Amino acid sequence: MKKIISYFILLTVFMIILVGCNEKEKPRVQNTPLENTQVENPQATLEIGKEAIEGDFRYRLVTEKAEYIENEPVKIYAELEYIGNKKEIEIFHAASPFYFPMVEKTRDVQISYAMAQPLVSTTLSKGVPIRQDYAGSGGYSSEEEEEYINFIKRIMKNEFPVGHYVVDGAAAFSVRTNGETSEKREYSIKTQIEFKVNE
């Protein structure tokens, strides 16, 4: 019986040592949510972004500041970079591969991002990102409430009212999987950034 207890204690100590050795420092999260971000000077130009990698492509979504002043132009941009083994690759997409739909959280308002849907091709050179700046978004119908219409009109002109905005950015495109056929692989690489607009 004493032998069993000794083995049990020895096994427990061994397990504690093993677990302790396996605990590594957790990797730092590059982009903490805005609620946990202290911005000492909201006027200072900061680049706050996130990136996502899928296959041979890197997608970045960036806001130049965590906080803006009302009616100040909001500076957001997206980049797509080919990081594969070829010198270049052709992608196929709508008018642009970049989408910038958002939600304004204090009002719980969805801000759509419509785009023309022709089939366009773009050639990406390895290591050279293509970039698009955000220039306003949204849409409304005449049946909407006047307050909502006025809000969306301001967003469409990139004049953001006070609020807390979450951008659900995406790069959507396709790539030929075989040069001899029309088979394509579809990509929809997504990430999210947040910013606030103050008075």
N, C-alpha and C. Protein backbone atom coordinates (compact mmCIF):
# COMPACT_ATOMS: atom_id res chain seq x y z
N MET A 1 0.83 -1.20 0.00
CA MET A 1 0.00 0.00 0.00
C MET A 1 0.87 1.26 0.00
N LYS A 2 1.96 1.23 0.82
CA LYS A 2 2.86 2.38 0.87
C LYS A 2 3.53 2.59 -0.48
N LYS A 3 3.80 1.45 -1.17
CA LYS A 3 4.42 1.54 -2.48
C LYS A 3 3.49 2.25 -3.47
N ILE A 4 2.21 1.94 -3.42
CA ILE A 4 1.22 2.55 -4.33
C ILE A 4 1.12 4.04 -4.05
N ILE A 5 1.07 4.41 -2.77
CA ILE A 5 0.99 5.83 -2.40
C ILE A 5 2.25 6.56 -2.88
N SER A 6 3.41 5.93 -2.70
CA SER A 6 4.67 6.54 -3.15
C SER A 6 4.66 6.76 -4.66
N TYR A 7 4.20 5.74 -5.40
CA TYR A 7 4.12 5.88 -6.85
C TYR A 7 3.14 7.00 -7.24
N PHE A 8 2.02 7.07 -6.52
CA PHE A 8 1.02 8.10 -6.81
C PHE A 8 1.60 9.49 -6.57
N ILE A 9 2.31 9.69 -5.46
CA ILE A 9 2.93 10.99 -5.15
C ILE A 9 3.98 11.33 -6.20
N LEU A 10 4.80 10.34 -6.55
CA LEU A 10 5.84 10.55 -7.55
C LEU A 10 5.22 10.94 -8.90
N LEU A 11 4.13 10.25 -9.28
CA LEU A 11 3.45 10.55 -10.53
C LEU A 11 2.86 11.96 -10.50
N THR A 12 2.28 12.36 -9.38
CA THR A 12 1.69 13.71 -9.25
C THR A 12 2.76 14.78 -9.39
N VAL A 13 3.90 14.59 -8.71
CA VAL A 13 5.00 15.55 -8.80
C VAL A 13 5.52 15.64 -10.23
N PHE A 14 5.66 14.48 -10.88
CA PHE A 14 6.11 14.46 -12.27
C PHE A 14 5.15 15.22 -13.18
N MET A 15 3.84 15.04 -12.98
CA MET A 15 2.83 15.73 -13.80
C MET A 15 2.90 17.24 -13.59
N ILE A 16 3.10 17.68 -12.34
CA ILE A 16 3.19 19.12 -12.04
C ILE A 16 4.40 19.71 -12.76
N ILE A 17 5.54 19.02 -12.70
CA ILE A 17 6.76 19.49 -13.37
C ILE A 17 6.55 19.54 -14.88
N LEU A 18 5.91 18.51 -15.43
CA LEU A 18 5.67 18.44 -16.87
C LEU A 18 4.77 19.58 -17.33
N VAL A 19 3.69 19.84 -16.60
CA VAL A 19 2.77 20.93 -16.96
C VAL A 19 3.48 22.26 -16.86
N GLY A 20 4.29 22.44 -15.80
CA GLY A 20 5.03 23.69 -15.63
C GLY A 20 6.00 23.94 -16.77
N CYS A 21 6.66 22.89 -17.26
CA CYS A 21 7.61 23.03 -18.37
C CYS A 21 6.91 23.36 -19.67
N ASN A 22 5.69 22.86 -19.83
CA ASN A 22 4.97 23.08 -21.08
C ASN A 22 4.30 24.43 -21.15
N GLU A 23 4.17 25.12 -20.03
CA GLU A 23 3.53 26.42 -20.04
C GLU A 23 4.51 27.45 -20.55
N LYS A 24 4.24 27.94 -21.74
CA LYS A 24 5.09 28.96 -22.33
C LYS A 24 4.38 30.30 -22.21
N GLU A 25 5.16 31.34 -22.39
CA GLU A 25 4.55 32.67 -22.38
C GLU A 25 3.60 32.77 -23.57
N LYS A 26 2.39 33.25 -23.33
CA LYS A 26 1.41 33.35 -24.40
C LYS A 26 1.85 34.43 -25.39
N PRO A 27 1.64 34.18 -26.70
CA PRO A 27 2.03 35.20 -27.67
C PRO A 27 1.21 36.47 -27.48
N ARG A 28 1.84 37.60 -27.71
CA ARG A 28 1.14 38.88 -27.56
C ARG A 28 0.15 39.04 -28.70
N VAL A 29 -1.02 39.52 -28.37
CA VAL A 29 -2.01 39.82 -29.38
C VAL A 29 -1.67 41.20 -29.92
N GLN A 30 -1.50 41.30 -31.22
CA GLN A 30 -1.06 42.56 -31.81
C GLN A 30 -2.09 43.66 -31.68
N ASN A 31 -3.34 43.30 -31.80
CA ASN A 31 -4.38 44.33 -31.87
C ASN A 31 -5.44 44.09 -30.82
N THR A 32 -5.27 44.70 -29.66
CA THR A 32 -6.26 44.55 -28.61
C THR A 32 -7.49 45.36 -28.98
N PRO A 33 -8.67 44.97 -28.48
CA PRO A 33 -9.87 45.75 -28.78
C PRO A 33 -9.72 47.18 -28.29
N LEU A 34 -10.44 48.10 -28.93
CA LEU A 34 -10.31 49.52 -28.57
C LEU A 34 -10.66 49.79 -27.12
N GLU A 35 -11.59 49.01 -26.56
CA GLU A 35 -11.98 49.24 -25.17
C GLU A 35 -10.78 49.16 -24.23
N ASN A 36 -9.76 48.38 -24.61
CA ASN A 36 -8.58 48.21 -23.77
C ASN A 36 -7.40 49.05 -24.25
N THR A 37 -7.62 49.89 -25.27
CA THR A 37 -6.53 50.68 -25.83
C THR A 37 -6.59 52.09 -25.29
N GLN A 38 -5.51 52.55 -24.69
CA GLN A 38 -5.43 53.92 -24.22
C GLN A 38 -4.72 54.75 -25.27
N VAL A 39 -5.37 55.77 -25.78
CA VAL A 39 -4.75 56.65 -26.76
C VAL A 39 -4.44 57.96 -26.07
N GLU A 40 -3.16 58.23 -25.84
CA GLU A 40 -2.76 59.43 -25.11
C GLU A 40 -3.10 60.68 -25.89
N ASN A 41 -2.89 60.67 -27.19
CA ASN A 41 -3.18 61.83 -28.02
C ASN A 41 -3.98 61.39 -29.24
N PRO A 42 -5.32 61.56 -29.18
CA PRO A 42 -6.14 61.09 -30.30
C PRO A 42 -5.78 61.76 -31.62
N GLN A 43 -5.13 62.93 -31.59
CA GLN A 43 -4.78 63.61 -32.83
C GLN A 43 -3.52 63.03 -33.47
N ALA A 44 -2.74 62.29 -32.68
CA ALA A 44 -1.49 61.74 -33.22
C ALA A 44 -1.80 60.68 -34.28
N THR A 45 -1.01 60.64 -35.31
CA THR A 45 -1.22 59.65 -36.36
C THR A 45 -0.67 58.30 -35.90
N LEU A 46 -1.55 57.34 -35.78
CA LEU A 46 -1.18 55.99 -35.40
C LEU A 46 -1.66 55.07 -36.50
N GLU A 47 -0.99 53.98 -36.70
CA GLU A 47 -1.51 52.97 -37.60
C GLU A 47 -1.92 51.79 -36.77
N ILE A 48 -3.23 51.53 -36.75
CA ILE A 48 -3.76 50.44 -35.95
C ILE A 48 -4.43 49.49 -36.92
N GLY A 49 -3.85 48.33 -37.10
CA GLY A 49 -4.39 47.43 -38.10
C GLY A 49 -4.28 45.98 -37.68
N LYS A 50 -4.88 45.16 -38.52
CA LYS A 50 -4.81 43.72 -38.34
C LYS A 50 -4.51 43.10 -39.69
N GLU A 51 -3.92 41.93 -39.64
CA GLU A 51 -3.69 41.22 -40.89
C GLU A 51 -4.15 39.78 -40.76
N ALA A 52 -4.46 39.20 -41.90
CA ALA A 52 -4.86 37.79 -41.96
C ALA A 52 -4.16 37.18 -43.16
N ILE A 53 -3.73 35.94 -43.01
CA ILE A 53 -3.06 35.23 -44.09
C ILE A 53 -3.87 33.99 -44.44
N GLU A 54 -4.11 33.83 -45.73
CA GLU A 54 -4.78 32.62 -46.22
C GLU A 54 -4.05 32.16 -47.47
N GLY A 55 -3.56 30.94 -47.41
CA GLY A 55 -2.80 30.43 -48.56
C GLY A 55 -1.59 31.30 -48.83
N ASP A 56 -1.49 31.78 -50.07
CA ASP A 56 -0.35 32.59 -50.50
C ASP A 56 -0.62 34.09 -50.45
N PHE A 57 -1.61 34.51 -49.65
CA PHE A 57 -2.01 35.91 -49.65
C PHE A 57 -2.07 36.48 -48.23
N ARG A 58 -1.59 37.72 -48.10
CA ARG A 58 -1.67 38.45 -46.83
C ARG A 58 -2.59 39.66 -47.04
N TYR A 59 -3.58 39.79 -46.16
CA TYR A 59 -4.55 40.90 -46.21
C TYR A 59 -4.38 41.75 -44.96
N ARG A 60 -4.28 43.06 -45.13
CA ARG A 60 -4.16 43.98 -44.01
C ARG A 60 -5.30 44.99 -44.06
N LEU A 61 -5.82 45.32 -42.88
CA LEU A 61 -6.86 46.35 -42.76
C LEU A 61 -6.38 47.32 -41.68
N VAL A 62 -6.31 48.60 -42.01
CA VAL A 62 -5.66 49.58 -41.14
C VAL A 62 -6.51 50.83 -40.99
N THR A 63 -6.60 51.34 -39.76
CA THR A 63 -7.08 52.70 -39.52
C THR A 63 -5.89 53.50 -39.00
N GLU A 64 -5.73 54.72 -39.49
CA GLU A 64 -4.56 55.50 -39.09
C GLU A 64 -4.65 55.98 -37.65
N LYS A 65 -5.86 55.99 -37.08
CA LYS A 65 -6.03 56.40 -35.68
C LYS A 65 -7.02 55.48 -34.99
N ALA A 66 -6.89 55.39 -33.67
CA ALA A 66 -7.90 54.69 -32.88
C ALA A 66 -9.09 55.59 -32.61
N GLU A 67 -8.86 56.90 -32.60
CA GLU A 67 -9.92 57.87 -32.32
C GLU A 67 -9.80 59.06 -33.27
N TYR A 68 -10.96 59.49 -33.77
CA TYR A 68 -11.04 60.65 -34.65
C TYR A 68 -11.96 61.68 -34.01
N ILE A 69 -11.92 62.90 -34.54
CA ILE A 69 -12.83 63.95 -34.12
C ILE A 69 -13.98 64.00 -35.14
N GLU A 70 -15.19 64.30 -34.67
CA GLU A 70 -16.37 64.32 -35.55
C GLU A 70 -16.11 65.18 -36.79
N ASN A 71 -16.51 64.66 -37.94
CA ASN A 71 -16.38 65.29 -39.26
C ASN A 71 -14.95 65.29 -39.80
N GLU A 72 -13.99 64.84 -39.02
CA GLU A 72 -12.63 64.66 -39.54
C GLU A 72 -12.66 63.45 -40.47
N PRO A 73 -11.99 63.52 -41.63
CA PRO A 73 -11.98 62.35 -42.52
C PRO A 73 -11.37 61.13 -41.81
N VAL A 74 -12.07 60.01 -41.89
CA VAL A 74 -11.58 58.76 -41.31
C VAL A 74 -10.68 58.10 -42.35
N LYS A 75 -9.45 57.81 -41.95
CA LYS A 75 -8.47 57.27 -42.89
C LYS A 75 -8.28 55.78 -42.63
N ILE A 76 -8.87 55.00 -43.51
CA ILE A 76 -8.80 53.53 -43.45
C ILE A 76 -8.30 53.06 -44.80
N TYR A 77 -7.49 52.02 -44.79
CA TYR A 77 -7.10 51.42 -46.06
C TYR A 77 -6.92 49.92 -45.90
N ALA A 78 -6.95 49.24 -47.04
CA ALA A 78 -6.74 47.79 -47.07
C ALA A 78 -5.62 47.49 -48.06
N GLU A 79 -4.89 46.42 -47.78
CA GLU A 79 -3.82 45.97 -48.66
C GLU A 79 -3.94 44.47 -48.89
N LEU A 80 -3.56 44.04 -50.07
CA LEU A 80 -3.49 42.62 -50.40
C LEU A 80 -2.12 42.36 -51.01
N GLU A 81 -1.43 41.35 -50.48
CA GLU A 81 -0.08 41.04 -50.93
C GLU A 81 0.04 39.56 -51.25
N TYR A 82 0.68 39.26 -52.37
CA TYR A 82 0.98 37.87 -52.74
C TYR A 82 2.31 37.48 -52.09
N ILE A 83 2.31 36.36 -51.35
CA ILE A 83 3.52 35.93 -50.63
C ILE A 83 3.93 34.51 -51.02
N GLY A 84 3.43 34.05 -52.17
CA GLY A 84 3.72 32.68 -52.61
C GLY A 84 5.06 32.56 -53.30
N ASN A 85 5.25 31.48 -54.05
CA ASN A 85 6.53 31.15 -54.67
C ASN A 85 6.73 31.71 -56.08
N LYS A 86 5.66 32.13 -56.74
CA LYS A 86 5.78 32.65 -58.10
C LYS A 86 6.20 34.12 -58.07
N LYS A 87 6.65 34.61 -59.23
CA LYS A 87 7.02 36.03 -59.33
C LYS A 87 5.78 36.91 -59.30
N GLU A 88 4.70 36.40 -59.88
CA GLU A 88 3.44 37.15 -59.91
C GLU A 88 2.28 36.18 -60.07
N ILE A 89 1.08 36.70 -59.78
CA ILE A 89 -0.12 35.87 -59.89
C ILE A 89 -1.29 36.76 -60.28
N GLU A 90 -2.21 36.21 -61.07
CA GLU A 90 -3.39 36.96 -61.51
C GLU A 90 -4.57 36.59 -60.61
N ILE A 91 -5.24 37.62 -60.10
CA ILE A 91 -6.46 37.39 -59.30
C ILE A 91 -7.65 37.98 -60.05
N PHE A 92 -8.85 37.45 -59.76
CA PHE A 92 -10.08 37.90 -60.40
C PHE A 92 -11.04 38.36 -59.30
N HIS A 93 -11.70 39.49 -59.54
CA HIS A 93 -12.54 40.09 -58.49
C HIS A 93 -13.59 41.00 -59.11
N ALA A 94 -14.43 41.57 -58.26
CA ALA A 94 -15.41 42.57 -58.70
C ALA A 94 -14.66 43.87 -59.00
N ALA A 95 -15.31 45.02 -58.97
CA ALA A 95 -14.64 46.28 -59.28
C ALA A 95 -13.38 46.45 -58.44
N SER A 96 -13.40 45.92 -57.24
CA SER A 96 -12.23 45.92 -56.35
C SER A 96 -12.26 44.63 -55.55
N PRO A 97 -11.10 44.13 -55.09
CA PRO A 97 -11.15 42.97 -54.20
C PRO A 97 -11.50 43.36 -52.75
N PHE A 98 -11.54 44.67 -52.45
CA PHE A 98 -11.67 45.12 -51.06
C PHE A 98 -13.10 45.55 -50.71
N TYR A 99 -13.54 45.11 -49.53
CA TYR A 99 -14.86 45.47 -49.00
C TYR A 99 -14.68 46.08 -47.61
N PHE A 100 -15.51 47.10 -47.31
CA PHE A 100 -15.42 47.80 -46.03
C PHE A 100 -16.78 47.94 -45.34
N PRO A 101 -17.57 46.89 -45.17
CA PRO A 101 -18.83 47.03 -44.43
C PRO A 101 -18.53 47.31 -42.95
N MET A 102 -19.44 47.99 -42.26
CA MET A 102 -19.22 48.31 -40.85
C MET A 102 -20.51 48.26 -40.04
N VAL A 103 -20.30 48.34 -38.73
CA VAL A 103 -21.40 48.46 -37.77
C VAL A 103 -21.06 49.63 -36.85
N GLU A 104 -22.05 50.50 -36.61
CA GLU A 104 -21.87 51.53 -35.59
C GLU A 104 -22.54 50.97 -34.33
N LYS A 105 -21.74 50.69 -33.31
CA LYS A 105 -22.21 49.89 -32.17
C LYS A 105 -23.14 50.62 -31.23
N THR A 106 -22.98 51.94 -31.04
CA THR A 106 -23.84 52.63 -30.08
C THR A 106 -25.26 52.77 -30.61
N ARG A 107 -25.42 52.84 -31.92
CA ARG A 107 -26.75 52.92 -32.53
C ARG A 107 -27.22 51.56 -33.04
N ASP A 108 -26.30 50.58 -33.11
CA ASP A 108 -26.56 49.27 -33.68
C ASP A 108 -27.04 49.40 -35.13
N VAL A 109 -26.25 50.15 -35.92
CA VAL A 109 -26.60 50.41 -37.32
C VAL A 109 -25.60 49.69 -38.22
N GLN A 110 -26.11 48.93 -39.19
CA GLN A 110 -25.29 48.27 -40.20
C GLN A 110 -25.03 49.26 -41.33
N ILE A 111 -23.79 49.38 -41.74
CA ILE A 111 -23.42 50.27 -42.84
C ILE A 111 -22.90 49.39 -43.97
N SER A 112 -23.69 49.26 -45.00
CA SER A 112 -23.36 48.33 -46.09
C SER A 112 -22.23 48.87 -46.96
N TYR A 113 -21.69 47.99 -47.77
CA TYR A 113 -20.64 48.39 -48.73
C TYR A 113 -20.96 47.75 -50.06
N ALA A 114 -21.64 48.51 -50.91
CA ALA A 114 -22.03 47.99 -52.23
C ALA A 114 -20.92 48.24 -53.23
N MET A 115 -20.89 47.40 -54.26
CA MET A 115 -19.85 47.53 -55.27
C MET A 115 -20.35 46.98 -56.60
N ALA A 116 -19.91 47.61 -57.68
CA ALA A 116 -20.21 47.07 -59.01
C ALA A 116 -19.55 45.70 -59.14
N GLN A 117 -20.19 44.81 -59.90
CA GLN A 117 -19.74 43.41 -59.96
C GLN A 117 -19.24 42.96 -61.33
N PRO A 118 -18.44 43.76 -62.03
CA PRO A 118 -17.85 43.20 -63.26
C PRO A 118 -16.76 42.20 -62.87
N LEU A 119 -16.31 41.41 -63.82
CA LEU A 119 -15.19 40.51 -63.54
C LEU A 119 -13.92 41.22 -64.00
N VAL A 120 -13.08 41.57 -63.04
CA VAL A 120 -11.85 42.31 -63.30
C VAL A 120 -10.68 41.45 -62.87
N SER A 121 -9.56 41.56 -63.58
CA SER A 121 -8.37 40.83 -63.16
C SER A 121 -7.27 41.83 -62.79
N THR A 122 -6.46 41.44 -61.82
CA THR A 122 -5.33 42.24 -61.36
C THR A 122 -4.14 41.30 -61.20
N THR A 123 -2.98 41.74 -61.65
CA THR A 123 -1.77 40.94 -61.48
C THR A 123 -1.01 41.45 -60.27
N LEU A 124 -0.75 40.56 -59.31
CA LEU A 124 0.01 40.90 -58.12
C LEU A 124 1.44 40.39 -58.27
N SER A 125 2.40 41.27 -58.05
CA SER A 125 3.81 40.87 -58.02
C SER A 125 4.15 40.45 -56.60
N LYS A 126 4.94 39.41 -56.47
CA LYS A 126 5.30 38.90 -55.14
C LYS A 126 5.93 40.00 -54.29
N GLY A 127 5.40 40.16 -53.07
CA GLY A 127 5.94 41.12 -52.12
C GLY A 127 5.57 42.57 -52.35
N VAL A 128 4.72 42.84 -53.34
CA VAL A 128 4.31 44.21 -53.64
C VAL A 128 2.80 44.32 -53.41
N PRO A 129 2.37 44.87 -52.27
CA PRO A 129 0.94 44.91 -51.99
C PRO A 129 0.19 45.92 -52.86
N ILE A 130 -1.06 45.59 -53.17
CA ILE A 130 -1.95 46.58 -53.77
C ILE A 130 -2.76 47.17 -52.62
N ARG A 131 -3.17 48.43 -52.78
CA ARG A 131 -3.81 49.14 -51.67
C ARG A 131 -5.03 49.90 -52.16
N GLN A 132 -6.05 49.99 -51.29
CA GLN A 132 -7.21 50.83 -51.57
C GLN A 132 -7.60 51.59 -50.31
N ASP A 133 -7.80 52.90 -50.46
CA ASP A 133 -8.26 53.74 -49.36
C ASP A 133 -9.78 53.70 -49.29
N TYR A 134 -10.30 53.73 -48.08
CA TYR A 134 -11.75 53.81 -47.87
C TYR A 134 -12.21 55.21 -48.23
N ALA A 135 -13.34 55.32 -48.96
CA ALA A 135 -13.82 56.63 -49.41
C ALA A 135 -15.30 56.83 -49.14
N GLY A 136 -15.84 56.16 -48.12
CA GLY A 136 -17.26 56.30 -47.81
C GLY A 136 -18.04 55.07 -48.24
N SER A 137 -19.17 54.85 -47.59
CA SER A 137 -19.99 53.68 -47.90
C SER A 137 -21.41 53.89 -47.39
N GLY A 138 -22.25 52.90 -47.63
CA GLY A 138 -23.63 52.95 -47.13
C GLY A 138 -24.63 53.14 -48.25
N GLY A 139 -25.88 52.95 -47.89
CA GLY A 139 -26.98 53.13 -48.81
C GLY A 139 -28.29 53.20 -48.03
N TYR A 140 -29.32 53.76 -48.65
CA TYR A 140 -30.62 53.89 -47.96
C TYR A 140 -31.72 53.95 -49.01
N SER A 141 -32.95 53.76 -48.56
CA SER A 141 -34.11 53.91 -49.43
C SER A 141 -34.97 55.06 -48.92
N SER A 142 -35.86 55.53 -49.75
CA SER A 142 -36.71 56.68 -49.37
C SER A 142 -37.67 56.31 -48.24
N GLU A 143 -37.87 55.01 -47.98
CA GLU A 143 -38.77 54.59 -46.89
C GLU A 143 -38.10 54.67 -45.52
N GLU A 144 -36.78 54.83 -45.49
CA GLU A 144 -36.06 54.87 -44.20
C GLU A 144 -36.41 56.15 -43.44
N GLU A 145 -36.19 56.10 -42.11
CA GLU A 145 -36.42 57.28 -41.29
C GLU A 145 -35.40 58.35 -41.64
N GLU A 146 -35.83 59.62 -41.49
CA GLU A 146 -34.97 60.75 -41.87
C GLU A 146 -33.65 60.75 -41.08
N GLU A 147 -33.73 60.40 -39.80
CA GLU A 147 -32.52 60.38 -38.96
C GLU A 147 -31.50 59.38 -39.51
N TYR A 148 -31.99 58.21 -39.93
CA TYR A 148 -31.11 57.19 -40.49
C TYR A 148 -30.51 57.67 -41.82
N ILE A 149 -31.35 58.26 -42.67
CA ILE A 149 -30.88 58.75 -43.96
C ILE A 149 -29.78 59.79 -43.77
N ASN A 150 -29.99 60.73 -42.85
CA ASN A 150 -28.98 61.77 -42.60
C ASN A 150 -27.68 61.17 -42.07
N PHE A 151 -27.81 60.15 -41.22
CA PHE A 151 -26.63 59.47 -40.69
C PHE A 151 -25.83 58.82 -41.82
N ILE A 152 -26.53 58.07 -42.67
CA ILE A 152 -25.86 57.36 -43.78
C ILE A 152 -25.28 58.35 -44.79
N LYS A 153 -25.97 59.45 -45.05
CA LYS A 153 -25.44 60.45 -45.99
C LYS A 153 -24.09 60.98 -45.51
N ARG A 154 -23.96 61.18 -44.21
CA ARG A 154 -22.69 61.65 -43.66
C ARG A 154 -21.59 60.60 -43.84
N ILE A 155 -21.93 59.34 -43.59
CA ILE A 155 -20.96 58.25 -43.77
C ILE A 155 -20.53 58.18 -45.23
N MET A 156 -21.49 58.32 -46.15
CA MET A 156 -21.18 58.24 -47.58
C MET A 156 -20.20 59.33 -48.00
N LYS A 157 -20.19 60.46 -47.28
CA LYS A 157 -19.24 61.54 -47.57
C LYS A 157 -17.99 61.45 -46.71
N ASN A 158 -17.84 60.32 -45.97
CA ASN A 158 -16.71 60.12 -45.07
C ASN A 158 -16.65 61.21 -43.99
N GLU A 159 -17.85 61.59 -43.49
CA GLU A 159 -17.96 62.54 -42.38
C GLU A 159 -18.68 61.82 -41.24
N PHE A 160 -17.93 61.11 -40.44
CA PHE A 160 -18.52 60.20 -39.46
C PHE A 160 -19.06 60.94 -38.25
N PRO A 161 -20.33 60.67 -37.87
CA PRO A 161 -20.85 61.20 -36.61
C PRO A 161 -20.18 60.51 -35.42
N VAL A 162 -20.35 61.08 -34.24
CA VAL A 162 -19.82 60.49 -33.01
C VAL A 162 -20.31 59.05 -32.91
N GLY A 163 -19.43 58.12 -32.54
CA GLY A 163 -19.83 56.73 -32.41
C GLY A 163 -18.64 55.80 -32.28
N HIS A 164 -18.96 54.53 -32.18
CA HIS A 164 -17.97 53.46 -32.07
C HIS A 164 -18.19 52.53 -33.26
N TYR A 165 -17.24 52.49 -34.16
CA TYR A 165 -17.39 51.81 -35.44
C TYR A 165 -16.52 50.55 -35.50
N VAL A 166 -17.09 49.49 -36.05
CA VAL A 166 -16.36 48.24 -36.27
C VAL A 166 -16.40 47.96 -37.76
N VAL A 167 -15.22 47.84 -38.37
CA VAL A 167 -15.11 47.57 -39.81
C VAL A 167 -14.86 46.08 -40.00
N ASP A 168 -15.76 45.42 -40.69
CA ASP A 168 -15.63 44.00 -41.01
C ASP A 168 -15.04 43.86 -42.41
N GLY A 169 -13.76 44.15 -42.52
CA GLY A 169 -13.12 44.20 -43.83
C GLY A 169 -12.91 42.84 -44.44
N ALA A 170 -12.83 42.82 -45.78
CA ALA A 170 -12.60 41.56 -46.49
C ALA A 170 -11.89 41.83 -47.81
N ALA A 171 -11.10 40.86 -48.23
CA ALA A 171 -10.56 40.82 -49.58
C ALA A 171 -11.17 39.58 -50.24
N ALA A 172 -11.96 39.78 -51.27
CA ALA A 172 -12.67 38.68 -51.95
C ALA A 172 -12.21 38.60 -53.40
N PHE A 173 -11.70 37.44 -53.78
CA PHE A 173 -11.17 37.27 -55.13
C PHE A 173 -11.03 35.78 -55.42
N SER A 174 -10.66 35.46 -56.63
CA SER A 174 -10.40 34.06 -56.98
C SER A 174 -9.10 33.97 -57.78
N VAL A 175 -8.54 32.76 -57.82
CA VAL A 175 -7.29 32.49 -58.51
C VAL A 175 -7.46 31.20 -59.31
N ARG A 176 -6.95 31.18 -60.52
CA ARG A 176 -6.99 29.94 -61.32
C ARG A 176 -6.14 28.87 -60.63
N THR A 177 -6.70 27.70 -60.46
CA THR A 177 -5.94 26.61 -59.83
C THR A 177 -5.12 25.85 -60.86
N ASN A 178 -5.52 25.96 -62.11
CA ASN A 178 -4.81 25.27 -63.19
C ASN A 178 -4.86 26.17 -64.41
N GLY A 179 -3.69 26.57 -64.90
CA GLY A 179 -3.64 27.49 -66.04
C GLY A 179 -4.33 26.98 -67.29
N GLU A 180 -4.51 25.68 -67.40
CA GLU A 180 -5.10 25.10 -68.61
C GLU A 180 -6.62 24.98 -68.53
N THR A 181 -7.19 25.18 -67.35
CA THR A 181 -8.65 25.09 -67.19
C THR A 181 -9.17 26.38 -66.58
N SER A 182 -10.49 26.46 -66.47
CA SER A 182 -11.10 27.65 -65.87
C SER A 182 -11.39 27.43 -64.38
N GLU A 183 -10.89 26.34 -63.80
CA GLU A 183 -11.12 26.08 -62.38
C GLU A 183 -10.45 27.16 -61.54
N LYS A 184 -11.19 27.64 -60.53
CA LYS A 184 -10.66 28.71 -59.69
C LYS A 184 -10.86 28.38 -58.22
N ARG A 185 -9.96 28.88 -57.40
CA ARG A 185 -10.13 28.81 -55.95
C ARG A 185 -10.62 30.16 -55.47
N GLU A 186 -11.68 30.16 -54.69
CA GLU A 186 -12.26 31.39 -54.16
C GLU A 186 -11.61 31.74 -52.82
N TYR A 187 -11.31 33.01 -52.63
CA TYR A 187 -10.77 33.51 -51.38
C TYR A 187 -11.71 34.58 -50.81
N SER A 188 -11.89 34.56 -49.52
CA SER A 188 -12.56 35.65 -48.81
C SER A 188 -11.83 35.80 -47.48
N ILE A 189 -10.81 36.65 -47.51
CA ILE A 189 -9.94 36.82 -46.34
C ILE A 189 -10.49 37.98 -45.53
N LYS A 190 -10.76 37.74 -44.25
CA LYS A 190 -11.46 38.74 -43.44
C LYS A 190 -10.67 39.08 -42.18
N THR A 191 -10.84 40.31 -41.75
CA THR A 191 -10.38 40.73 -40.43
C THR A 191 -11.20 41.94 -40.01
N GLN A 192 -10.95 42.41 -38.81
CA GLN A 192 -11.82 43.44 -38.22
C GLN A 192 -10.98 44.47 -37.48
N ILE A 193 -11.33 45.74 -37.65
CA ILE A 193 -10.72 46.80 -36.86
C ILE A 193 -11.81 47.67 -36.27
N GLU A 194 -11.45 48.46 -35.27
CA GLU A 194 -12.41 49.34 -34.62
C GLU A 194 -11.81 50.73 -34.49
N PHE A 195 -12.69 51.75 -34.47
CA PHE A 195 -12.25 53.10 -34.16
C PHE A 195 -13.42 53.85 -33.54
N LYS A 196 -13.10 54.94 -32.87
CA LYS A 196 -14.13 55.76 -32.25
C LYS A 196 -14.08 57.16 -32.81
N VAL A 197 -15.25 57.82 -32.84
CA VAL A 197 -15.33 59.22 -33.26
C VAL A 197 -15.90 60.00 -32.08
N ASN A 198 -15.16 61.01 -31.65
CA ASN A 198 -15.57 61.84 -30.51
C ASN A 198 -15.93 63.24 -30.96
N GLU A 199 -16.60 63.97 -30.08
CA GLU A 199 -16.99 65.36 -30.39
C GLU A 199 -15.76 66.25 -30.44
